[in-house]
Protein backbone atom coordinates (compact mmCIF):
# COMPACT_ATOMS: atom_id res chain seq x y z
CA MET A 1 -30.27 -78.29 4.90
CA SER A 2 -33.03 -80.81 4.50
CA GLU A 3 -34.00 -80.88 8.18
CA LYS A 4 -37.25 -79.03 8.72
CA GLY A 5 -38.03 -77.95 12.23
CA SER A 6 -38.82 -74.24 12.13
CA ARG A 7 -42.16 -72.66 11.48
CA ILE A 8 -42.59 -69.17 10.02
CA GLY A 9 -45.82 -67.22 10.02
CA GLY A 10 -46.70 -63.87 8.56
CA ARG A 11 -49.15 -61.91 6.49
CA VAL A 12 -48.27 -61.29 2.87
CA SER A 13 -50.10 -60.05 -0.19
CA PRO A 14 -51.85 -62.92 -2.01
CA ALA A 15 -51.05 -61.18 -5.31
CA LEU A 16 -47.35 -61.16 -4.42
CA VAL A 17 -47.44 -64.87 -3.59
CA ARG A 18 -49.28 -65.67 -6.85
CA GLN A 19 -46.79 -63.68 -8.90
CA ALA A 20 -43.78 -65.22 -7.14
CA LYS A 21 -45.17 -68.72 -7.74
CA HIS A 22 -45.82 -67.86 -11.39
CA GLN A 23 -42.30 -66.46 -11.85
CA THR A 24 -40.58 -69.42 -10.21
CA GLY A 25 -42.89 -72.29 -11.10
CA ILE A 26 -43.03 -73.18 -7.42
CA GLU A 27 -46.41 -74.51 -6.33
CA THR A 28 -46.37 -74.64 -2.52
CA ASP A 29 -46.00 -71.84 0.01
CA THR A 30 -43.37 -73.82 1.93
CA GLU A 31 -41.19 -74.32 -1.15
CA LEU A 32 -41.61 -70.66 -2.09
CA ILE A 33 -40.49 -69.53 1.37
CA GLU A 34 -37.51 -71.91 1.26
CA PHE A 35 -36.55 -70.59 -2.17
CA ALA A 36 -36.81 -66.97 -1.02
CA LEU A 37 -34.76 -67.61 2.12
CA ALA A 38 -32.12 -69.55 0.19
CA THR A 39 -31.89 -66.73 -2.33
CA VAL A 40 -31.17 -64.25 0.45
CA ALA A 41 -28.85 -66.61 2.35
CA LEU A 42 -26.78 -67.38 -0.74
CA GLU A 43 -26.69 -63.79 -2.01
CA ASP A 44 -23.27 -62.97 -3.39
CA ASN A 45 -23.55 -59.25 -2.52
CA PHE A 46 -22.57 -58.28 -6.07
CA ALA A 47 -24.45 -54.98 -5.90
CA GLU A 48 -22.63 -53.88 -2.75
CA ALA A 49 -19.23 -54.90 -4.14
CA PHE A 50 -20.04 -53.08 -7.38
CA LYS A 51 -20.93 -49.88 -5.48
CA LYS A 52 -17.73 -50.05 -3.44
CA SER A 53 -15.63 -50.29 -6.62
CA ARG A 54 -17.17 -47.13 -8.12
CA GLY A 55 -14.51 -44.73 -9.25
CA LYS A 56 -11.67 -47.20 -8.73
CA VAL A 57 -11.31 -48.35 -12.33
CA ASP A 58 -8.87 -46.46 -14.51
CA PRO A 59 -10.96 -44.27 -16.87
CA ALA A 60 -8.43 -44.95 -19.65
CA LEU A 61 -9.07 -48.70 -19.49
CA LYS A 62 -10.17 -50.03 -22.91
CA LEU A 63 -13.26 -52.22 -22.47
CA GLY A 64 -13.64 -53.17 -26.12
CA PHE A 65 -16.69 -51.12 -27.00
């Protein structure tokens, strides 16, 4: 996905952008947006799968703690 042809525009909190750049080490807005979009696109949906499995594990199962 190295081809760049789309343009995205929007208003966001400067504090949010600063914090996101600080957390990730990313320096440019473009790279930060790409990182955020990739994170969403590659999401493994663990939380949703975890919620769906609630109550389906045998309560007698020994987990080792």
